[in-house]
Amino acid sequence: MTPERRARLLAEAAGEFAEYGYEQASLNRIIRATGLSKSSFYHFVDGKADLYEQTLDALTTDFRRSWTGVDPRVFEVPEFWRHLETLVAELLARAGRDESMSLLVRLFFTSDAATDPEGPESALATRVRAWLADVLRAGQRAGRVRDDLPADLLGDSAFAVVAAVDAWIGTRGEAPSAEDVDAASRAPLALVRAMLEPAS
C-alpha cells in the first residue's frame, strides 16, 4: 500500500472510530470511503482490532512529533494550579487546531482505555497515568495537592473525571453548542482541582 493510500485509510478509520466508537464502527464504511476492494483491505489489515491499533499508533506518533510534553518537575512550585491551567489551555488550543490530536483524544476516551488493560490503547494510557501521577507528586511536594491519598490514586480519579466529561460530550444526541463545549472544556480541571486541592 502506498504511503498516501495508507494515510487516507488511517484518516478514514480515525474519523469512523471517533464518530461511532470501536464496537459500532463499520469496516465496510471505511473500505467504501477509501475506495479499496475488500481483498486489498484485508491484504494489509487483519481486521478491526488491527486497524484500530494502527490508527491509534499513527495518531499517537503524530501527536508526539508535534508535542514533546512537559517535565513533571516543573509543577513543583507554589503556582502549581496556574501552571496546570496554562498547560490545559495550551492543549485545548492545540486540539482545536490539530485534527490528529482531536481524534486521538476522542479515540482515547471513547474506547474504554481506562478499563481495558488488554486494549491497544493500554500502553498510551499507562504512560499518561504515570505522567499524571508524577505531576501530582510534584504538586504534593509543593503543598498544592492533598497528600492524604497516594498520587497514583489521585491521578486515576482525575483521569476518570476527564473521561466522564469527554464521554458526556461524545454521547450527546445532538451536536453540543459552543457554550457546552466551552464549559465542558473547563469543567475537568475545575472538578479535579476541587477534588485534589488541600482543604484550606
N, C-alpha and C. Protein backbone atom coordinates (compact mmCIF):
# COMPACT_ATOMS: atom_id res chain seq x y z
N MET A 1 0.85 -1.18 0.00
CA MET A 1 0.00 0.00 0.00
C MET A 1 0.90 1.24 0.00
N THR A 2 0.60 2.17 -0.88
CA THR A 2 1.41 3.39 -0.94
C THR A 2 1.22 4.20 0.35
N PRO A 3 2.20 5.00 0.71
CA PRO A 3 2.06 5.82 1.92
C PRO A 3 0.82 6.73 1.86
N GLU A 4 0.52 7.25 0.66
CA GLU A 4 -0.64 8.13 0.52
C GLU A 4 -1.93 7.39 0.79
N ARG A 5 -2.05 6.17 0.22
CA ARG A 5 -3.27 5.39 0.41
C ARG A 5 -3.40 4.92 1.87
N ARG A 6 -2.27 4.54 2.47
CA ARG A 6 -2.31 4.14 3.88
C ARG A 6 -2.74 5.33 4.75
N ALA A 7 -2.22 6.52 4.46
CA ALA A 7 -2.60 7.71 5.23
C ALA A 7 -4.10 7.97 5.10
N ARG A 8 -4.63 7.79 3.89
CA ARG A 8 -6.06 8.01 3.70
C ARG A 8 -6.88 6.96 4.45
N LEU A 9 -6.43 5.71 4.41
CA LEU A 9 -7.12 4.64 5.13
C LEU A 9 -7.16 4.95 6.62
N LEU A 10 -6.02 5.34 7.19
CA LEU A 10 -5.96 5.61 8.62
C LEU A 10 -6.78 6.86 8.99
N ALA A 11 -6.80 7.85 8.10
CA ALA A 11 -7.61 9.04 8.36
C ALA A 11 -9.10 8.69 8.37
N GLU A 12 -9.53 7.90 7.40
CA GLU A 12 -10.94 7.48 7.36
C GLU A 12 -11.28 6.63 8.59
N ALA A 13 -10.36 5.74 8.95
CA ALA A 13 -10.59 4.89 10.13
C ALA A 13 -10.68 5.73 11.39
N ALA A 14 -9.80 6.72 11.53
CA ALA A 14 -9.82 7.59 12.72
C ALA A 14 -11.17 8.30 12.83
N GLY A 15 -11.66 8.83 11.73
CA GLY A 15 -12.95 9.50 11.74
C GLY A 15 -14.08 8.56 12.10
N GLU A 16 -14.04 7.37 11.54
CA GLU A 16 -15.08 6.37 11.82
C GLU A 16 -15.08 5.95 13.29
N PHE A 17 -13.90 5.61 13.82
CA PHE A 17 -13.82 5.18 15.22
C PHE A 17 -14.20 6.31 16.17
N ALA A 18 -13.79 7.54 15.83
CA ALA A 18 -14.11 8.68 16.70
C ALA A 18 -15.60 8.96 16.70
N GLU A 19 -16.25 8.81 15.55
CA GLU A 19 -17.68 9.11 15.47
C GLU A 19 -18.56 8.02 16.06
N TYR A 20 -18.20 6.75 15.80
CA TYR A 20 -19.09 5.65 16.18
C TYR A 20 -18.58 4.81 17.35
N GLY A 21 -17.32 5.02 17.77
CA GLY A 21 -16.76 4.15 18.80
C GLY A 21 -16.31 2.84 18.16
N TYR A 22 -15.54 2.07 18.90
CA TYR A 22 -14.96 0.85 18.34
C TYR A 22 -16.03 -0.16 17.93
N GLU A 23 -16.96 -0.44 18.81
CA GLU A 23 -17.94 -1.50 18.54
C GLU A 23 -18.84 -1.19 17.35
N GLN A 24 -19.28 0.06 17.23
CA GLN A 24 -20.22 0.42 16.17
C GLN A 24 -19.54 0.85 14.86
N ALA A 25 -18.23 0.98 14.89
CA ALA A 25 -17.52 1.37 13.66
C ALA A 25 -17.69 0.28 12.61
N SER A 26 -17.83 0.71 11.35
CA SER A 26 -18.07 -0.23 10.25
C SER A 26 -16.86 -0.28 9.32
N LEU A 27 -16.29 -1.48 9.20
CA LEU A 27 -15.19 -1.64 8.25
C LEU A 27 -15.68 -1.42 6.83
N ASN A 28 -16.91 -1.80 6.55
CA ASN A 28 -17.45 -1.60 5.20
C ASN A 28 -17.50 -0.11 4.83
N ARG A 29 -17.91 0.74 5.79
CA ARG A 29 -17.92 2.18 5.51
C ARG A 29 -16.50 2.69 5.25
N ILE A 30 -15.56 2.21 6.03
CA ILE A 30 -14.16 2.63 5.86
C ILE A 30 -13.64 2.18 4.50
N ILE A 31 -13.92 0.94 4.14
CA ILE A 31 -13.45 0.41 2.85
C ILE A 31 -14.05 1.21 1.69
N ARG A 32 -15.37 1.48 1.77
CA ARG A 32 -16.01 2.27 0.71
C ARG A 32 -15.40 3.67 0.62
N ALA A 33 -15.19 4.31 1.76
CA ALA A 33 -14.67 5.68 1.78
C ALA A 33 -13.26 5.77 1.20
N THR A 34 -12.48 4.72 1.35
CA THR A 34 -11.10 4.75 0.85
C THR A 34 -11.00 4.24 -0.59
N GLY A 35 -12.06 3.64 -1.10
CA GLY A 35 -12.03 3.14 -2.46
C GLY A 35 -11.24 1.86 -2.64
N LEU A 36 -10.96 1.16 -1.54
CA LEU A 36 -10.24 -0.11 -1.62
C LEU A 36 -11.22 -1.25 -1.88
N SER A 37 -10.72 -2.30 -2.49
CA SER A 37 -11.51 -3.52 -2.56
C SER A 37 -11.32 -4.24 -1.23
N LYS A 38 -12.27 -5.12 -0.90
CA LYS A 38 -12.15 -5.86 0.35
C LYS A 38 -10.89 -6.72 0.36
N SER A 39 -10.57 -7.30 -0.78
CA SER A 39 -9.37 -8.15 -0.82
C SER A 39 -8.11 -7.32 -0.57
N SER A 40 -8.04 -6.12 -1.15
CA SER A 40 -6.89 -5.25 -0.90
C SER A 40 -6.84 -4.84 0.57
N PHE A 41 -7.98 -4.49 1.11
CA PHE A 41 -8.04 -4.06 2.51
C PHE A 41 -7.51 -5.16 3.42
N TYR A 42 -8.03 -6.39 3.23
CA TYR A 42 -7.64 -7.48 4.12
C TYR A 42 -6.23 -8.02 3.81
N HIS A 43 -5.67 -7.60 2.70
CA HIS A 43 -4.27 -7.94 2.45
C HIS A 43 -3.35 -7.15 3.37
N PHE A 44 -3.77 -5.92 3.72
CA PHE A 44 -2.94 -5.04 4.55
C PHE A 44 -3.41 -4.93 5.99
N VAL A 45 -4.66 -5.32 6.25
CA VAL A 45 -5.23 -5.18 7.60
C VAL A 45 -5.84 -6.50 8.02
N ASP A 46 -5.54 -6.95 9.24
CA ASP A 46 -6.04 -8.24 9.70
C ASP A 46 -7.49 -8.19 10.17
N GLY A 47 -8.00 -7.02 10.44
CA GLY A 47 -9.36 -6.90 10.93
C GLY A 47 -9.53 -5.60 11.70
N LYS A 48 -10.66 -5.47 12.38
CA LYS A 48 -10.98 -4.22 13.06
C LYS A 48 -9.96 -3.88 14.15
N ALA A 49 -9.59 -4.88 14.97
CA ALA A 49 -8.64 -4.60 16.06
C ALA A 49 -7.30 -4.13 15.51
N ASP A 50 -6.84 -4.76 14.44
CA ASP A 50 -5.57 -4.36 13.83
C ASP A 50 -5.66 -2.94 13.26
N LEU A 51 -6.75 -2.64 12.58
CA LEU A 51 -6.91 -1.30 12.01
C LEU A 51 -6.98 -0.25 13.12
N TYR A 52 -7.71 -0.57 14.19
CA TYR A 52 -7.80 0.37 15.30
C TYR A 52 -6.42 0.63 15.91
N GLU A 53 -5.66 -0.43 16.10
CA GLU A 53 -4.32 -0.29 16.69
C GLU A 53 -3.42 0.54 15.78
N GLN A 54 -3.46 0.27 14.47
CA GLN A 54 -2.65 1.05 13.53
C GLN A 54 -3.06 2.53 13.55
N THR A 55 -4.37 2.77 13.64
CA THR A 55 -4.88 4.15 13.65
C THR A 55 -4.42 4.88 14.90
N LEU A 56 -4.58 4.23 16.05
CA LEU A 56 -4.18 4.84 17.31
C LEU A 56 -2.67 5.10 17.32
N ASP A 57 -1.91 4.16 16.80
CA ASP A 57 -0.45 4.31 16.76
C ASP A 57 -0.05 5.49 15.88
N ALA A 58 -0.70 5.63 14.72
CA ALA A 58 -0.38 6.74 13.81
C ALA A 58 -0.73 8.08 14.45
N LEU A 59 -1.88 8.18 15.10
CA LEU A 59 -2.27 9.43 15.75
C LEU A 59 -1.34 9.76 16.91
N THR A 60 -0.95 8.75 17.67
CA THR A 60 -0.04 8.96 18.79
C THR A 60 1.31 9.45 18.29
N THR A 61 1.80 8.83 17.21
CA THR A 61 3.08 9.24 16.63
C THR A 61 3.02 10.69 16.15
N ASP A 62 1.93 11.07 15.48
CA ASP A 62 1.77 12.45 15.03
C ASP A 62 1.79 13.42 16.21
N PHE A 63 1.06 13.06 17.27
CA PHE A 63 0.99 13.94 18.43
C PHE A 63 2.36 14.07 19.10
N ARG A 64 3.06 12.97 19.27
CA ARG A 64 4.36 13.02 19.94
C ARG A 64 5.39 13.76 19.11
N ARG A 65 5.20 13.77 17.81
CA ARG A 65 6.11 14.51 16.93
C ARG A 65 5.91 16.02 17.09
N SER A 66 4.66 16.41 17.36
CA SER A 66 4.37 17.85 17.44
C SER A 66 4.41 18.40 18.86
N TRP A 67 4.39 17.52 19.86
CA TRP A 67 4.40 17.99 21.25
C TRP A 67 5.23 17.04 22.09
N THR A 68 6.29 17.54 22.66
CA THR A 68 7.23 16.68 23.38
C THR A 68 6.87 16.48 24.85
N GLY A 69 5.88 17.19 25.33
CA GLY A 69 5.45 17.01 26.71
C GLY A 69 6.11 17.99 27.65
N VAL A 70 5.80 17.83 28.93
CA VAL A 70 6.30 18.73 29.97
C VAL A 70 6.87 17.87 31.09
N ASP A 71 8.07 18.22 31.54
CA ASP A 71 8.70 17.52 32.66
C ASP A 71 7.86 17.76 33.92
N PRO A 72 7.40 16.69 34.58
CA PRO A 72 6.55 16.88 35.77
C PRO A 72 7.21 17.73 36.86
N ARG A 73 8.54 17.79 36.90
CA ARG A 73 9.23 18.55 37.96
C ARG A 73 8.94 20.05 37.89
N VAL A 74 8.52 20.55 36.71
CA VAL A 74 8.24 21.99 36.63
C VAL A 74 6.99 22.37 37.43
N PHE A 75 6.21 21.37 37.85
CA PHE A 75 4.99 21.63 38.61
C PHE A 75 5.25 21.69 40.12
N GLU A 76 6.48 21.48 40.54
CA GLU A 76 6.79 21.51 41.97
C GLU A 76 7.01 22.95 42.44
N VAL A 77 5.98 23.76 42.31
CA VAL A 77 6.05 25.19 42.62
C VAL A 77 4.74 25.62 43.27
N PRO A 78 4.77 26.74 44.01
CA PRO A 78 3.52 27.24 44.61
C PRO A 78 2.44 27.55 43.56
N GLU A 79 2.87 27.86 42.33
CA GLU A 79 1.91 28.19 41.26
C GLU A 79 1.44 26.94 40.52
N PHE A 80 1.42 25.80 41.21
CA PHE A 80 1.07 24.51 40.61
C PHE A 80 -0.19 24.59 39.77
N TRP A 81 -1.28 25.10 40.33
CA TRP A 81 -2.57 25.08 39.62
C TRP A 81 -2.56 26.04 38.44
N ARG A 82 -1.87 27.18 38.58
CA ARG A 82 -1.77 28.10 37.44
C ARG A 82 -0.98 27.45 36.30
N HIS A 83 0.09 26.74 36.64
CA HIS A 83 0.87 26.03 35.62
C HIS A 83 0.00 24.98 34.91
N LEU A 84 -0.80 24.27 35.70
CA LEU A 84 -1.65 23.23 35.12
C LEU A 84 -2.72 23.85 34.22
N GLU A 85 -3.31 24.96 34.66
CA GLU A 85 -4.30 25.67 33.83
C GLU A 85 -3.68 26.11 32.50
N THR A 86 -2.45 26.61 32.56
CA THR A 86 -1.77 27.05 31.34
C THR A 86 -1.55 25.88 30.39
N LEU A 87 -1.13 24.74 30.95
CA LEU A 87 -0.90 23.56 30.12
C LEU A 87 -2.20 23.07 29.49
N VAL A 88 -3.27 23.02 30.27
CA VAL A 88 -4.56 22.57 29.74
C VAL A 88 -5.03 23.51 28.63
N ALA A 89 -4.88 24.82 28.85
CA ALA A 89 -5.28 25.79 27.82
C ALA A 89 -4.47 25.58 26.54
N GLU A 90 -3.17 25.32 26.70
CA GLU A 90 -2.33 25.07 25.52
C GLU A 90 -2.77 23.82 24.78
N LEU A 91 -3.07 22.75 25.52
CA LEU A 91 -3.50 21.51 24.88
C LEU A 91 -4.86 21.66 24.20
N LEU A 92 -5.78 22.40 24.83
CA LEU A 92 -7.09 22.63 24.21
C LEU A 92 -6.95 23.44 22.93
N ALA A 93 -6.09 24.46 22.97
CA ALA A 93 -5.87 25.26 21.77
C ALA A 93 -5.25 24.41 20.67
N ARG A 94 -4.32 23.56 21.05
CA ARG A 94 -3.68 22.68 20.06
C ARG A 94 -4.70 21.70 19.47
N ALA A 95 -5.56 21.17 20.33
CA ALA A 95 -6.59 20.23 19.84
C ALA A 95 -7.53 20.92 18.88
N GLY A 96 -7.79 22.21 19.11
CA GLY A 96 -8.66 22.96 18.21
C GLY A 96 -8.04 23.18 16.84
N ARG A 97 -6.71 23.21 16.80
CA ARG A 97 -6.00 23.43 15.52
C ARG A 97 -5.56 22.13 14.86
N ASP A 98 -5.41 21.07 15.65
CA ASP A 98 -4.78 19.84 15.18
C ASP A 98 -5.80 18.71 15.17
N GLU A 99 -6.27 18.36 13.98
CA GLU A 99 -7.29 17.32 13.88
C GLU A 99 -6.80 15.98 14.40
N SER A 100 -5.51 15.67 14.19
CA SER A 100 -4.95 14.41 14.68
C SER A 100 -5.06 14.32 16.19
N MET A 101 -4.73 15.41 16.86
CA MET A 101 -4.81 15.40 18.32
C MET A 101 -6.25 15.29 18.79
N SER A 102 -7.15 16.02 18.14
CA SER A 102 -8.56 15.95 18.50
C SER A 102 -9.09 14.53 18.33
N LEU A 103 -8.74 13.88 17.23
CA LEU A 103 -9.17 12.49 17.00
C LEU A 103 -8.56 11.55 18.03
N LEU A 104 -7.28 11.77 18.36
CA LEU A 104 -6.61 10.92 19.35
C LEU A 104 -7.33 10.99 20.69
N VAL A 105 -7.68 12.19 21.12
CA VAL A 105 -8.38 12.35 22.40
C VAL A 105 -9.73 11.64 22.34
N ARG A 106 -10.45 11.82 21.23
CA ARG A 106 -11.77 11.18 21.11
C ARG A 106 -11.65 9.66 21.12
N LEU A 107 -10.67 9.11 20.42
CA LEU A 107 -10.49 7.67 20.42
C LEU A 107 -10.08 7.18 21.79
N PHE A 108 -9.19 7.92 22.42
CA PHE A 108 -8.65 7.50 23.71
C PHE A 108 -9.73 7.39 24.76
N PHE A 109 -10.64 8.36 24.82
CA PHE A 109 -11.64 8.37 25.88
C PHE A 109 -12.92 7.65 25.50
N THR A 110 -13.13 7.35 24.22
CA THR A 110 -14.37 6.65 23.86
C THR A 110 -14.15 5.16 23.66
N SER A 111 -12.94 4.67 23.96
CA SER A 111 -12.65 3.26 23.68
C SER A 111 -12.36 2.44 24.91
N ASP A 112 -12.79 2.92 26.08
CA ASP A 112 -12.59 2.22 27.33
C ASP A 112 -11.11 2.00 27.64
N ALA A 113 -10.28 2.95 27.25
CA ALA A 113 -8.85 2.85 27.53
C ALA A 113 -8.60 2.74 29.02
N ALA A 114 -9.44 3.40 29.79
CA ALA A 114 -9.21 3.42 31.23
C ALA A 114 -9.50 2.08 31.89
N THR A 115 -10.29 1.22 31.24
CA THR A 115 -10.71 -0.02 31.89
C THR A 115 -10.30 -1.28 31.16
N ASP A 116 -9.66 -1.18 30.01
CA ASP A 116 -9.29 -2.36 29.24
C ASP A 116 -7.77 -2.52 29.20
N PRO A 117 -7.20 -3.31 30.13
CA PRO A 117 -5.75 -3.45 30.16
C PRO A 117 -5.18 -4.18 28.96
N GLU A 118 -6.04 -4.87 28.20
CA GLU A 118 -5.57 -5.59 27.02
C GLU A 118 -5.77 -4.80 25.74
N GLY A 119 -6.44 -3.66 25.81
CA GLY A 119 -6.74 -2.89 24.62
C GLY A 119 -5.50 -2.24 24.03
N PRO A 120 -5.55 -1.89 22.75
CA PRO A 120 -4.37 -1.30 22.10
C PRO A 120 -3.97 0.04 22.69
N GLU A 121 -4.91 0.70 23.37
CA GLU A 121 -4.58 2.00 23.95
C GLU A 121 -4.00 1.88 25.35
N SER A 122 -3.82 0.63 25.85
CA SER A 122 -3.36 0.47 27.22
C SER A 122 -1.96 1.03 27.43
N ALA A 123 -1.07 0.88 26.46
CA ALA A 123 0.29 1.41 26.63
C ALA A 123 0.27 2.93 26.73
N LEU A 124 -0.54 3.57 25.90
CA LEU A 124 -0.67 5.02 25.96
C LEU A 124 -1.30 5.43 27.29
N ALA A 125 -2.34 4.73 27.70
CA ALA A 125 -3.00 5.03 28.98
C ALA A 125 -2.01 4.90 30.13
N THR A 126 -1.16 3.90 30.09
CA THR A 126 -0.17 3.69 31.14
C THR A 126 0.79 4.87 31.21
N ARG A 127 1.26 5.34 30.05
CA ARG A 127 2.17 6.49 30.03
C ARG A 127 1.49 7.76 30.54
N VAL A 128 0.25 7.99 30.12
CA VAL A 128 -0.47 9.18 30.55
C VAL A 128 -0.68 9.15 32.06
N ARG A 129 -1.11 8.00 32.58
CA ARG A 129 -1.35 7.88 34.02
C ARG A 129 -0.06 8.06 34.83
N ALA A 130 1.05 7.51 34.35
CA ALA A 130 2.32 7.64 35.06
C ALA A 130 2.76 9.11 35.09
N TRP A 131 2.62 9.81 33.95
CA TRP A 131 2.98 11.23 33.91
C TRP A 131 2.10 12.03 34.86
N LEU A 132 0.80 11.75 34.84
CA LEU A 132 -0.12 12.49 35.69
C LEU A 132 0.20 12.26 37.17
N ALA A 133 0.51 11.02 37.55
CA ALA A 133 0.88 10.73 38.94
C ALA A 133 2.14 11.49 39.34
N ASP A 134 3.12 11.58 38.41
CA ASP A 134 4.34 12.34 38.70
C ASP A 134 4.04 13.83 38.88
N VAL A 135 3.14 14.37 38.06
CA VAL A 135 2.73 15.78 38.20
C VAL A 135 2.08 15.99 39.57
N LEU A 136 1.22 15.08 39.97
CA LEU A 136 0.54 15.23 41.26
C LEU A 136 1.50 15.06 42.43
N ARG A 137 2.50 14.20 42.29
CA ARG A 137 3.53 14.09 43.35
C ARG A 137 4.27 15.41 43.49
N ALA A 138 4.57 16.04 42.35
CA ALA A 138 5.22 17.36 42.40
C ALA A 138 4.31 18.35 43.11
N GLY A 139 3.00 18.30 42.83
CA GLY A 139 2.05 19.18 43.50
C GLY A 139 1.96 18.90 44.99
N GLN A 140 2.07 17.62 45.35
CA GLN A 140 2.07 17.28 46.78
C GLN A 140 3.30 17.86 47.47
N ARG A 141 4.47 17.73 46.83
CA ARG A 141 5.69 18.27 47.43
C ARG A 141 5.63 19.79 47.57
N ALA A 142 4.89 20.43 46.65
CA ALA A 142 4.74 21.89 46.71
C ALA A 142 3.63 22.31 47.66
N GLY A 143 2.90 21.33 48.23
CA GLY A 143 1.82 21.65 49.15
C GLY A 143 0.55 22.11 48.47
N ARG A 144 0.42 21.84 47.17
CA ARG A 144 -0.74 22.30 46.42
C ARG A 144 -1.72 21.18 46.05
N VAL A 145 -1.35 19.94 46.36
CA VAL A 145 -2.21 18.77 46.12
C VAL A 145 -2.30 18.00 47.43
N ARG A 146 -3.49 17.57 47.77
CA ARG A 146 -3.69 16.82 49.02
C ARG A 146 -2.74 15.63 49.07
N ASP A 147 -2.25 15.33 50.28
CA ASP A 147 -1.30 14.24 50.41
C ASP A 147 -1.79 13.13 51.32
N ASP A 148 -3.11 13.11 51.59
CA ASP A 148 -3.67 12.06 52.43
C ASP A 148 -3.98 10.80 51.63
N LEU A 149 -3.83 10.87 50.31
CA LEU A 149 -4.03 9.72 49.43
C LEU A 149 -2.85 9.61 48.48
N PRO A 150 -2.54 8.39 48.00
CA PRO A 150 -1.40 8.24 47.08
C PRO A 150 -1.64 8.99 45.76
N ALA A 151 -0.56 9.49 45.18
CA ALA A 151 -0.65 10.27 43.94
C ALA A 151 -1.23 9.45 42.80
N ASP A 152 -0.91 8.15 42.75
CA ASP A 152 -1.45 7.37 41.63
C ASP A 152 -2.97 7.19 41.74
N LEU A 153 -3.49 7.11 42.98
CA LEU A 153 -4.94 7.03 43.16
C LEU A 153 -5.59 8.37 42.78
N LEU A 154 -4.97 9.46 43.18
CA LEU A 154 -5.49 10.77 42.81
C LEU A 154 -5.45 10.94 41.29
N GLY A 155 -4.37 10.44 40.65
CA GLY A 155 -4.26 10.52 39.19
C GLY A 155 -5.35 9.72 38.50
N ASP A 156 -5.63 8.52 39.02
CA ASP A 156 -6.70 7.70 38.44
C ASP A 156 -8.05 8.41 38.58
N SER A 157 -8.26 9.08 39.71
CA SER A 157 -9.51 9.81 39.92
C SER A 157 -9.62 10.98 38.94
N ALA A 158 -8.52 11.71 38.75
CA ALA A 158 -8.51 12.82 37.80
C ALA A 158 -8.76 12.32 36.38
N PHE A 159 -8.13 11.20 36.04
CA PHE A 159 -8.29 10.59 34.72
C PHE A 159 -9.76 10.24 34.48
N ALA A 160 -10.41 9.69 35.51
CA ALA A 160 -11.83 9.29 35.39
C ALA A 160 -12.72 10.51 35.18
N VAL A 161 -12.40 11.62 35.83
CA VAL A 161 -13.19 12.85 35.65
C VAL A 161 -13.10 13.32 34.21
N VAL A 162 -11.87 13.37 33.67
CA VAL A 162 -11.67 13.81 32.29
C VAL A 162 -12.42 12.89 31.33
N ALA A 163 -12.32 11.57 31.56
CA ALA A 163 -13.01 10.60 30.70
C ALA A 163 -14.52 10.79 30.76
N ALA A 164 -15.06 11.06 31.96
CA ALA A 164 -16.50 11.24 32.10
C ALA A 164 -16.98 12.47 31.35
N VAL A 165 -16.23 13.57 31.44
CA VAL A 165 -16.63 14.78 30.73
C VAL A 165 -16.54 14.56 29.23
N ASP A 166 -15.46 13.91 28.78
CA ASP A 166 -15.31 13.65 27.35
C ASP A 166 -16.43 12.74 26.84
N ALA A 167 -16.77 11.73 27.63
CA ALA A 167 -17.86 10.83 27.23
C ALA A 167 -19.17 11.58 27.16
N TRP A 168 -19.38 12.52 28.08
CA TRP A 168 -20.60 13.32 28.07
C TRP A 168 -20.70 14.11 26.77
N ILE A 169 -19.58 14.71 26.36
CA ILE A 169 -19.58 15.46 25.11
C ILE A 169 -19.86 14.53 23.93
N GLY A 170 -19.20 13.36 23.94
CA GLY A 170 -19.28 12.45 22.80
C GLY A 170 -20.57 11.69 22.67
N THR A 171 -21.36 11.59 23.74
CA THR A 171 -22.57 10.77 23.68
C THR A 171 -23.85 11.59 23.66
N ARG A 172 -23.75 12.88 23.54
CA ARG A 172 -24.97 13.68 23.45
C ARG A 172 -25.67 13.39 22.13
N GLY A 173 -26.99 13.38 22.16
CA GLY A 173 -27.75 13.06 20.95
C GLY A 173 -27.53 14.05 19.83
N GLU A 174 -27.38 15.32 20.19
CA GLU A 174 -27.20 16.35 19.17
C GLU A 174 -25.80 16.93 19.35
N ALA A 175 -25.36 17.66 18.35
CA ALA A 175 -24.05 18.29 18.47
C ALA A 175 -24.11 19.31 19.60
N PRO A 176 -23.12 19.29 20.51
CA PRO A 176 -23.16 20.24 21.61
C PRO A 176 -22.98 21.67 21.11
N SER A 177 -23.57 22.60 21.83
CA SER A 177 -23.43 24.00 21.47
C SER A 177 -22.01 24.46 21.80
N ALA A 178 -21.63 25.59 21.23
CA ALA A 178 -20.30 26.15 21.52
C ALA A 178 -20.18 26.44 23.02
N GLU A 179 -21.27 26.87 23.65
CA GLU A 179 -21.24 27.15 25.08
C GLU A 179 -21.01 25.87 25.87
N ASP A 180 -21.67 24.77 25.46
CA ASP A 180 -21.48 23.49 26.15
C ASP A 180 -20.04 23.01 26.02
N VAL A 181 -19.49 23.13 24.82
CA VAL A 181 -18.12 22.68 24.60
C VAL A 181 -17.16 23.51 25.44
N ASP A 182 -17.39 24.83 25.47
CA ASP A 182 -16.51 25.70 26.25
C ASP A 182 -16.60 25.35 27.74
N ALA A 183 -17.83 25.16 28.23
CA ALA A 183 -18.00 24.82 29.65
C ALA A 183 -17.39 23.46 29.94
N ALA A 184 -17.60 22.49 29.04
CA ALA A 184 -17.08 21.15 29.27
C ALA A 184 -15.56 21.11 29.19
N SER A 185 -14.96 21.98 28.38
CA SER A 185 -13.51 22.00 28.28
C SER A 185 -12.88 22.54 29.56
N ARG A 186 -13.62 23.41 30.27
CA ARG A 186 -13.11 23.96 31.52
C ARG A 186 -13.50 23.11 32.72
N ALA A 187 -14.52 22.28 32.58
CA ALA A 187 -15.05 21.51 33.71
C ALA A 187 -14.04 20.52 34.30
N PRO A 188 -13.31 19.74 33.50
CA PRO A 188 -12.44 18.74 34.12
C PRO A 188 -11.44 19.34 35.11
N LEU A 189 -10.76 20.42 34.72
CA LEU A 189 -9.76 20.98 35.63
C LEU A 189 -10.42 21.54 36.89
N ALA A 190 -11.58 22.19 36.73
CA ALA A 190 -12.27 22.72 37.91
C ALA A 190 -12.69 21.60 38.85
N LEU A 191 -13.21 20.50 38.29
CA LEU A 191 -13.61 19.36 39.12
C LEU A 191 -12.40 18.71 39.77
N VAL A 192 -11.34 18.54 38.98
CA VAL A 192 -10.13 17.90 39.51
C VAL A 192 -9.54 18.76 40.62
N ARG A 193 -9.49 20.07 40.41
CA ARG A 193 -8.93 20.95 41.45
C ARG A 193 -9.74 20.87 42.73
N ALA A 194 -11.07 20.88 42.60
CA ALA A 194 -11.91 20.79 43.80
C ALA A 194 -11.67 19.48 44.53
N MET A 195 -11.37 18.43 43.80
CA MET A 195 -11.15 17.11 44.38
C MET A 195 -9.76 16.99 45.02
N LEU A 196 -8.77 17.61 44.40
CA LEU A 196 -7.38 17.35 44.78
C LEU A 196 -6.70 18.44 45.59
N GLU A 197 -7.24 19.64 45.58
CA GLU A 197 -6.58 20.72 46.31
C GLU A 197 -6.74 20.48 47.81
N PRO A 198 -5.69 20.71 48.59
CA PRO A 198 -5.83 20.52 50.05
C PRO A 198 -6.88 21.45 50.63
N ALA A 199 -7.55 20.98 51.68
CA ALA A 199 -8.51 21.84 52.37
C ALA A 199 -7.77 23.02 52.98
N SER A 200 -8.35 24.20 52.86
CA SER A 200 -7.66 25.39 53.39
C SER A 200 -7.86 25.46 54.90
